[in-house]
N, C-alpha and C. Protein backbone atom coordinates (compact mmCIF):
# COMPACT_ATOMS: atom_id res chain seq x y z
N MET A 1 308.54 229.53 -68.14
CA MET A 1 309.08 228.24 -67.32
C MET A 1 308.18 228.91 -65.80
N ASP A 2 308.41 228.16 -64.57
CA ASP A 2 307.47 227.73 -64.05
C ASP A 2 308.32 228.98 -63.05
N ALA A 3 309.90 229.14 -62.93
CA ALA A 3 310.55 230.65 -62.10
C ALA A 3 309.94 231.69 -62.60
N SER A 4 309.73 232.47 -63.32
CA SER A 4 308.86 233.34 -64.89
C SER A 4 308.06 233.35 -64.64
N LEU A 5 306.95 232.49 -64.46
CA LEU A 5 306.35 232.64 -64.19
C LEU A 5 304.94 233.11 -62.91
N ALA A 6 305.83 233.04 -62.01
CA ALA A 6 305.79 232.94 -60.94
C ALA A 6 305.43 233.74 -59.80
N GLU A 7 307.10 235.17 -60.84
CA GLU A 7 307.62 235.94 -61.10
C GLU A 7 306.37 236.40 -61.31
N LEU A 8 305.86 236.92 -62.02
CA LEU A 8 305.13 237.00 -62.76
C LEU A 8 303.63 237.22 -62.24
N TYR A 9 303.63 236.17 -61.44
CA TYR A 9 301.54 236.25 -60.70
C TYR A 9 302.34 236.49 -59.88
N GLY A 10 303.79 236.83 -58.99
CA GLY A 10 303.61 237.42 -57.66
C GLY A 10 303.01 236.17 -56.31
N VAL A 11 304.29 234.84 -57.24
CA VAL A 11 303.66 233.89 -55.78
C VAL A 11 304.96 233.15 -56.25
N PRO A 12 305.19 232.09 -54.87
CA PRO A 12 306.58 231.98 -55.01
C PRO A 12 306.34 230.99 -55.84
N THR A 13 307.20 229.85 -56.30
CA THR A 13 307.61 229.20 -57.14
C THR A 13 306.49 228.24 -56.95
N LYS A 14 307.72 227.93 -55.37
CA LYS A 14 306.85 226.11 -54.66
C LYS A 14 305.17 226.22 -54.67
N ALA A 15 304.60 227.26 -54.58
CA ALA A 15 303.27 227.63 -54.75
C ALA A 15 303.40 227.05 -56.19
N LEU A 16 303.28 227.85 -57.19
CA LEU A 16 302.25 227.58 -58.64
C LEU A 16 302.77 226.21 -58.52
N LEU A 17 303.88 225.64 -58.44
CA LEU A 17 304.57 224.15 -58.54
C LEU A 17 303.11 223.38 -58.03
N GLN A 18 303.11 223.60 -56.48
CA GLN A 18 301.76 223.06 -55.81
C GLN A 18 300.83 223.26 -56.43
N ALA A 19 299.84 224.29 -56.88
CA ALA A 19 298.80 224.41 -57.35
C ALA A 19 298.31 223.35 -58.66
N VAL A 20 299.69 223.00 -59.82
CA VAL A 20 300.00 222.74 -60.17
C VAL A 20 299.76 221.54 -60.14
N ARG A 21 300.18 220.97 -59.59
CA ARG A 21 300.20 219.71 -58.95
C ARG A 21 298.68 219.26 -59.11
N ARG A 22 298.14 220.19 -57.92
CA ARG A 22 296.76 219.20 -56.81
C ARG A 22 295.19 219.30 -58.32
N ASN A 23 296.01 220.32 -59.51
CA ASN A 23 295.03 219.97 -60.49
C ASN A 23 295.49 219.40 -61.75
N ARG A 24 296.73 218.75 -61.53
CA ARG A 24 297.33 217.76 -63.00
C ARG A 24 296.80 217.51 -64.20
N ARG A 25 295.43 217.36 -63.82
CA ARG A 25 294.34 216.99 -65.04
C ARG A 25 294.10 218.45 -66.23
N ARG A 26 294.95 219.20 -65.39
CA ARG A 26 294.22 220.82 -66.66
C ARG A 26 295.32 221.31 -67.01
N PHE A 27 296.42 220.08 -66.98
CA PHE A 27 297.10 220.54 -67.84
C PHE A 27 298.09 218.80 -68.23
N PRO A 28 297.55 218.99 -69.22
CA PRO A 28 298.95 217.56 -69.76
C PRO A 28 299.55 217.73 -70.66
N ALA A 29 300.40 216.73 -71.71
CA ALA A 29 301.90 216.87 -71.81
C ALA A 29 302.10 218.25 -72.86
N ASN A 30 300.92 218.42 -73.47
CA ASN A 30 300.84 219.36 -74.67
C ASN A 30 300.58 221.37 -73.92
N PHE A 31 300.80 221.14 -73.06
CA PHE A 31 299.67 222.01 -72.46
C PHE A 31 301.03 222.48 -70.80
N MET A 32 303.02 221.74 -70.92
CA MET A 32 303.49 222.02 -70.10
C MET A 32 304.15 220.38 -69.86
N PHE A 33 305.31 220.45 -70.04
CA PHE A 33 306.43 219.77 -69.45
C PHE A 33 307.60 220.00 -69.04
N THR A 34 307.81 218.82 -68.58
CA THR A 34 308.92 219.16 -67.46
C THR A 34 310.66 219.01 -68.39
N LEU A 35 311.38 219.83 -68.21
CA LEU A 35 313.44 219.81 -69.10
C LEU A 35 313.39 218.14 -68.56
N THR A 36 314.41 217.95 -70.08
CA THR A 36 315.27 216.67 -69.66
C THR A 36 316.24 217.34 -68.58
N ALA A 37 317.27 216.34 -68.07
CA ALA A 37 318.29 216.34 -67.43
C ALA A 37 319.33 216.62 -68.18
N ALA A 38 318.80 216.57 -69.28
CA ALA A 38 320.24 217.16 -70.71
C ALA A 38 320.03 218.84 -70.45
N GLU A 39 318.88 219.13 -70.98
CA GLU A 39 318.29 220.45 -71.22
C GLU A 39 318.63 221.12 -69.75
N TRP A 40 318.06 220.73 -68.84
CA TRP A 40 318.14 221.73 -67.53
C TRP A 40 320.01 221.84 -67.34
N ALA A 41 320.50 220.56 -67.75
CA ALA A 41 322.22 221.35 -67.62
C ALA A 41 322.90 221.74 -68.67
N VAL A 42 322.59 222.10 -69.73
CA VAL A 42 322.57 223.17 -70.39
C VAL A 42 321.64 224.69 -70.36
N LEU A 43 320.70 224.45 -69.47
CA LEU A 43 320.04 225.73 -69.22
C LEU A 43 321.21 226.75 -67.90
N ARG A 44 321.14 225.73 -66.62
CA ARG A 44 321.83 225.73 -65.89
C ARG A 44 323.07 226.32 -65.76
N SER A 45 324.74 226.52 -67.44
CA SER A 45 325.20 226.28 -67.68
C SER A 45 325.59 227.46 -67.87
N GLN A 46 324.37 227.72 -69.24
CA GLN A 46 324.12 229.15 -70.00
C GLN A 46 323.45 230.16 -68.89
N SER A 47 323.01 230.13 -67.59
CA SER A 47 322.54 230.94 -66.88
C SER A 47 323.88 230.89 -65.52
N VAL A 48 324.59 230.75 -64.87
CA VAL A 48 325.26 230.21 -64.12
C VAL A 48 324.55 230.50 -63.34
N THR A 49 323.03 229.21 -62.78
CA THR A 49 322.46 229.27 -61.60
C THR A 49 324.07 228.17 -60.51
N SER A 50 323.08 228.40 -59.76
CA SER A 50 324.16 227.79 -58.56
C SER A 50 324.36 225.75 -58.69
N ASN A 51 324.97 225.27 -58.36
CA ASN A 51 325.40 224.13 -58.39
C ASN A 51 324.11 223.29 -57.39
N LEU A 52 323.58 222.12 -57.75
CA LEU A 52 323.65 221.35 -56.31
C LEU A 52 324.23 221.38 -55.53
N GLY A 53 323.29 221.11 -54.35
CA GLY A 53 323.90 220.94 -52.71
C GLY A 53 324.33 222.12 -51.97
N ARG A 54 324.83 223.21 -52.88
CA ARG A 54 324.69 224.68 -53.16
C ARG A 54 323.43 226.44 -52.58
N GLY A 55 322.45 225.19 -52.35
CA GLY A 55 320.90 225.98 -51.89
C GLY A 55 320.51 226.08 -53.27
N GLY A 56 321.16 225.73 -54.68
CA GLY A 56 320.20 225.84 -56.04
C GLY A 56 318.85 224.14 -56.64
N ARG A 57 318.74 224.75 -57.58
CA ARG A 57 317.00 224.08 -57.74
C ARG A 57 317.88 222.94 -58.17
N ARG A 58 316.58 221.75 -57.11
CA ARG A 58 317.49 220.32 -56.61
C ARG A 58 316.52 219.27 -58.37
N TYR A 59 315.23 220.24 -58.79
CA TYR A 59 314.33 219.79 -59.54
C TYR A 59 314.41 220.80 -61.05
N ALA A 60 314.66 219.42 -61.63
CA ALA A 60 314.15 220.64 -63.51
C ALA A 60 313.41 221.19 -63.31
N PRO A 61 313.14 222.41 -64.23
CA PRO A 61 311.98 223.39 -64.09
C PRO A 61 311.35 222.62 -64.67
N MET A 62 310.02 223.32 -64.33
CA MET A 62 308.52 223.06 -65.84
C MET A 62 308.52 223.70 -66.39
N VAL A 63 308.22 223.71 -67.30
CA VAL A 63 307.89 224.66 -69.09
C VAL A 63 306.47 224.32 -69.45
N PHE A 64 305.71 225.75 -69.54
CA PHE A 64 304.67 226.34 -70.07
C PHE A 64 304.49 226.60 -71.47
N THR A 65 303.48 225.34 -72.36
CA THR A 65 302.91 226.36 -73.25
C THR A 65 302.20 227.51 -72.78
N GLU A 66 301.70 228.08 -74.72
CA GLU A 66 300.48 228.74 -74.65
C GLU A 66 299.45 228.67 -73.79
N GLN A 67 299.13 226.98 -74.45
CA GLN A 67 298.00 226.75 -73.28
C GLN A 67 298.04 225.81 -71.75
N GLY A 68 299.09 226.22 -71.42
CA GLY A 68 299.31 225.54 -70.22
C GLY A 68 299.70 227.15 -69.40
N VAL A 69 300.26 228.73 -69.94
CA VAL A 69 299.69 230.05 -69.66
C VAL A 69 298.73 230.21 -69.31
N ALA A 70 297.83 229.81 -70.30
CA ALA A 70 295.58 229.96 -70.03
C ALA A 70 295.67 229.09 -68.77
N MET A 71 295.73 227.97 -68.90
CA MET A 71 295.32 227.14 -68.04
C MET A 71 295.30 227.60 -66.61
N LEU A 72 296.87 228.31 -66.69
CA LEU A 72 297.10 228.28 -65.78
C LEU A 72 296.37 229.96 -65.01
N SER A 73 295.45 230.89 -65.38
CA SER A 73 294.78 231.52 -64.51
C SER A 73 293.47 230.46 -63.46
N SER A 74 293.25 229.52 -64.04
CA SER A 74 292.11 228.93 -63.65
C SER A 74 292.36 228.44 -62.31
N VAL A 75 293.61 227.85 -62.51
CA VAL A 75 294.22 227.58 -60.99
C VAL A 75 295.04 228.59 -60.36
N LEU A 76 296.17 229.80 -60.52
CA LEU A 76 295.53 230.73 -60.22
C LEU A 76 294.86 231.59 -60.06
N THR A 77 293.61 232.19 -58.97
CA THR A 77 292.49 232.71 -59.28
C THR A 77 292.96 234.52 -58.56
N SER A 78 294.35 235.00 -57.73
CA SER A 78 294.15 235.99 -57.43
C SER A 78 293.99 237.23 -58.82
N ALA A 79 293.95 238.79 -58.16
CA ALA A 79 293.81 239.98 -58.60
C ALA A 79 295.02 239.50 -60.30
N ARG A 80 296.03 240.05 -59.46
CA ARG A 80 297.17 239.60 -60.15
C ARG A 80 297.75 238.71 -61.52
N ALA A 81 297.36 237.59 -60.69
CA ALA A 81 297.16 236.46 -61.90
C ALA A 81 296.28 236.14 -63.11
N ILE A 82 294.93 237.46 -62.49
CA ILE A 82 294.63 237.25 -64.32
C ILE A 82 295.07 238.74 -64.40
N ASP A 83 295.64 239.81 -64.16
CA ASP A 83 295.83 240.71 -65.17
C ASP A 83 297.17 240.16 -65.82
N VAL A 84 298.18 239.63 -65.19
CA VAL A 84 298.90 238.27 -66.07
C VAL A 84 298.95 237.87 -66.70
N ASN A 85 297.72 237.03 -67.06
CA ASN A 85 297.54 235.93 -68.16
C ASN A 85 296.63 236.86 -68.45
N ILE A 86 296.28 238.10 -68.19
CA ILE A 86 295.42 239.12 -69.43
C ILE A 86 296.25 240.03 -70.44
N ALA A 87 297.57 239.77 -70.14
CA ALA A 87 298.78 240.52 -70.58
C ALA A 87 299.20 239.94 -71.23
N ILE A 88 299.13 238.25 -71.28
CA ILE A 88 300.70 236.79 -71.57
C ILE A 88 299.91 237.14 -72.57
N MET A 89 298.69 236.72 -72.14
CA MET A 89 297.58 236.60 -73.70
C MET A 89 297.79 237.27 -75.15
N ARG A 90 297.33 238.60 -74.91
CA ARG A 90 297.66 239.64 -75.52
C ARG A 90 299.19 239.53 -76.21
N ALA A 91 300.48 239.13 -75.13
CA ALA A 91 301.54 239.62 -75.98
C ALA A 91 301.27 237.32 -76.98
N PHE A 92 300.53 236.71 -76.60
CA PHE A 92 300.55 235.59 -77.40
C PHE A 92 300.28 236.19 -78.98
N VAL A 93 298.78 236.57 -78.85
CA VAL A 93 297.91 237.57 -79.89
C VAL A 93 299.33 238.90 -81.10
N GLN A 94 299.40 239.47 -80.58
CA GLN A 94 300.59 239.90 -81.27
C GLN A 94 301.38 239.05 -81.52
N LEU A 95 302.21 238.09 -81.26
CA LEU A 95 303.02 237.22 -81.47
C LEU A 95 302.65 236.68 -83.28
N ARG A 96 301.42 235.76 -82.74
CA ARG A 96 300.61 235.35 -83.66
C ARG A 96 300.66 236.24 -85.19
N HIS A 97 299.92 237.47 -85.32
CA HIS A 97 299.69 238.35 -85.98
C HIS A 97 301.77 238.80 -86.30
N LEU A 98 302.90 239.27 -85.83
CA LEU A 98 303.66 238.79 -86.19
C LEU A 98 304.09 238.01 -87.16
N LEU A 99 303.90 236.50 -86.95
CA LEU A 99 304.46 235.62 -87.17
C LEU A 99 303.23 235.67 -89.20
N ALA A 100 301.98 235.94 -88.36
CA ALA A 100 301.59 236.55 -90.10
C ALA A 100 302.04 236.85 -90.90
N THR A 101 302.26 237.62 -90.28
CA THR A 101 303.04 239.32 -91.16
C THR A 101 304.23 238.52 -92.37
N ASN A 102 305.36 237.93 -91.33
CA ASN A 102 306.36 237.49 -91.62
C ASN A 102 305.97 236.66 -93.14
N ARG A 103 304.88 235.71 -92.82
CA ARG A 103 304.41 234.58 -93.86
C ARG A 103 303.48 235.83 -94.81
N GLU A 104 303.53 236.77 -94.62
CA GLU A 104 303.20 237.43 -96.00
C GLU A 104 303.41 238.06 -96.98
N LEU A 105 305.28 238.65 -95.90
CA LEU A 105 306.56 239.19 -96.70
C LEU A 105 306.91 237.91 -97.52
N ALA A 106 306.97 236.62 -97.06
CA ALA A 106 308.05 235.89 -97.97
C ALA A 106 307.65 234.89 -98.42
N ALA A 107 306.17 235.08 -99.04
CA ALA A 107 305.29 234.90 -100.22
C ALA A 107 305.10 235.87 -100.86
N LYS A 108 305.37 237.35 -100.87
CA LYS A 108 305.46 238.29 -101.92
C LYS A 108 306.70 238.41 -101.37
N LEU A 109 307.95 237.93 -101.26
CA LEU A 109 309.46 238.09 -101.69
C LEU A 109 309.84 236.91 -102.71
N SER A 110 308.76 235.12 -102.37
CA SER A 110 308.90 234.39 -102.82
C SER A 110 307.93 234.16 -104.75
N GLU A 111 307.02 235.34 -104.63
CA GLU A 111 306.19 235.81 -106.19
C GLU A 111 307.19 236.31 -106.90
N LEU A 112 307.75 237.42 -106.01
CA LEU A 112 308.49 238.62 -107.37
C LEU A 112 310.00 237.45 -106.81
N GLU A 113 310.67 236.25 -106.85
CA GLU A 113 312.03 235.73 -107.13
C GLU A 113 311.38 234.77 -108.46
N HIS A 114 310.38 234.59 -108.27
CA HIS A 114 309.91 234.13 -109.33
C HIS A 114 309.53 235.09 -110.57
N LYS A 115 308.76 235.53 -110.32
CA LYS A 115 309.05 237.61 -111.82
C LYS A 115 310.47 237.06 -112.19
N LEU A 116 311.56 237.09 -111.26
CA LEU A 116 313.00 237.59 -111.84
C LEU A 116 313.25 236.60 -112.67
N GLU A 117 312.90 235.50 -112.00
CA GLU A 117 313.49 234.57 -112.57
C GLU A 117 313.81 233.99 -114.10
N ASN A 118 311.89 234.74 -114.06
CA ASN A 118 311.74 235.08 -115.93
C ASN A 118 311.89 235.58 -116.32
N HIS A 119 313.16 236.74 -115.79
CA HIS A 119 313.36 237.78 -116.91
C HIS A 119 315.06 237.76 -116.53
N ASP A 120 316.01 236.30 -116.06
CA ASP A 120 317.21 236.29 -116.24
C ASP A 120 318.09 236.12 -117.25
N GLU A 121 317.14 235.21 -118.04
CA GLU A 121 318.24 235.78 -119.03
C GLU A 121 317.85 236.81 -120.36
N ALA A 122 317.40 237.34 -120.16
CA ALA A 122 317.00 238.60 -120.48
C ALA A 122 317.68 239.74 -120.19
N ILE A 123 317.84 240.02 -118.76
CA ILE A 123 318.99 240.88 -117.48
C ILE A 123 320.23 240.10 -118.25
N ALA A 124 320.23 238.92 -118.59
CA ALA A 124 321.75 238.03 -118.02
C ALA A 124 322.38 239.02 -120.09
N ASN A 125 321.22 239.00 -120.53
CA ASN A 125 321.83 239.30 -122.79
C ASN A 125 322.22 241.48 -121.80
N LEU A 126 321.26 241.73 -121.14
CA LEU A 126 321.63 243.01 -121.46
C LEU A 126 322.83 242.94 -120.88
N PHE A 127 323.41 242.79 -119.40
CA PHE A 127 324.72 242.58 -118.61
C PHE A 127 326.17 242.12 -120.06
N GLU A 128 325.45 241.26 -120.81
CA GLU A 128 326.85 240.69 -121.79
C GLU A 128 327.37 241.87 -123.10
N ALA A 129 325.55 242.81 -123.18
CA ALA A 129 325.78 243.98 -124.00
C ALA A 129 326.77 244.95 -123.64
N MET A 130 326.40 245.56 -123.08
CA MET A 130 326.66 246.13 -121.71
C MET A 130 328.48 245.82 -121.76
N ARG A 131 328.53 245.08 -121.29
CA ARG A 131 330.11 244.34 -121.43
C ARG A 131 331.04 244.46 -122.28
N GLN A 132 329.84 244.01 -123.44
CA GLN A 132 331.09 243.90 -125.23
C GLN A 132 331.08 246.06 -125.16
N LEU A 133 330.14 246.29 -125.06
CA LEU A 133 330.11 248.21 -125.38
C LEU A 133 331.19 248.57 -124.27
N LEU A 134 331.42 248.26 -123.58
CA LEU A 134 332.72 248.71 -122.43
C LEU A 134 334.13 247.94 -122.19
N ALA A 135 334.14 246.85 -123.17
CA ALA A 135 335.41 245.96 -123.25
C ALA A 135 335.94 247.58 -124.52
N PRO A 136 337.41 247.05 -124.23
CA PRO A 136 338.19 248.56 -125.34
C PRO A 136 338.47 247.37 -126.78
N SER A 137 338.62 247.89 -127.59
CA SER A 137 338.12 247.61 -128.64
C SER A 137 339.56 247.69 -129.47
N ASP A 138 339.97 246.33 -130.76
CA ASP A 138 340.51 246.38 -131.16
C ASP A 138 341.67 247.62 -131.77
N PRO A 139 343.34 247.32 -131.58
CA PRO A 139 343.81 249.02 -132.91
C PRO A 139 343.45 248.97 -133.76
N PRO A 140 343.28 250.54 -134.35
CA PRO A 140 343.20 250.22 -135.90
C PRO A 140 343.72 249.87 -136.91
N HIS A 141 343.90 249.53 -138.07
CA HIS A 141 345.18 248.79 -138.83
C HIS A 141 345.44 249.72 -139.35
N GLY A 142 347.03 249.82 -139.09
CA GLY A 142 347.55 251.48 -139.76
C GLY A 142 348.92 250.86 -139.50
N ARG A 143 349.81 252.52 -139.78
CA ARG A 143 351.20 252.61 -139.12
C ARG A 143 351.60 252.75 -138.06
N LYS A 144 352.63 251.73 -137.64
CA LYS A 144 353.06 252.55 -136.26
C LYS A 144 353.33 253.73 -135.75
N ILE A 145 353.28 253.92 -135.30
CA ILE A 145 354.39 255.14 -134.74
C ILE A 145 354.48 255.15 -134.12
N GLY A 146 356.36 255.43 -133.64
CA GLY A 146 357.06 255.23 -133.16
C GLY A 146 358.47 254.26 -134.31
N PHE A 147 359.61 253.85 -133.05
CA PHE A 147 360.48 252.60 -133.04
C PHE A 147 359.71 251.25 -133.60
N ASN A 148 360.08 250.69 -134.00
CA ASN A 148 359.95 249.36 -134.50
C ASN A 148 361.32 248.49 -133.75
N ARG A 149 361.53 247.16 -133.32
CA ARG A 149 363.03 246.70 -132.28
C ARG A 149 362.00 245.62 -133.25
């Protein structure tokens, strides 16, 4: 979000938003968007920000995608902005790598599950045979010990 990025870049939120507005063509809809009133209301209630009219934000925050964050480096050209942008890009690369690893793990799990599905009947038969062996057998037929009533 704009305030978080401004803090990272070491500039006031107002300056970041002003730079974005001056370079609006660099930020199409898939690079940046403004939260809807409903989204902003939920966000405000979760983060316990001050009410309107009491010093809080008057406008919904802007949210930047990965491409929007990358584009900020061309708008904010300070040394700190460039360093922060490089760190953020590296974080996005690591996140993508982590997601790819999880996809590979999910595929392997699915493959293993498929292999086990083919053996379900054999495993079920094995458990049934074990249950039969563990079940108490009928008492032997013969003379009962004790009193009969």
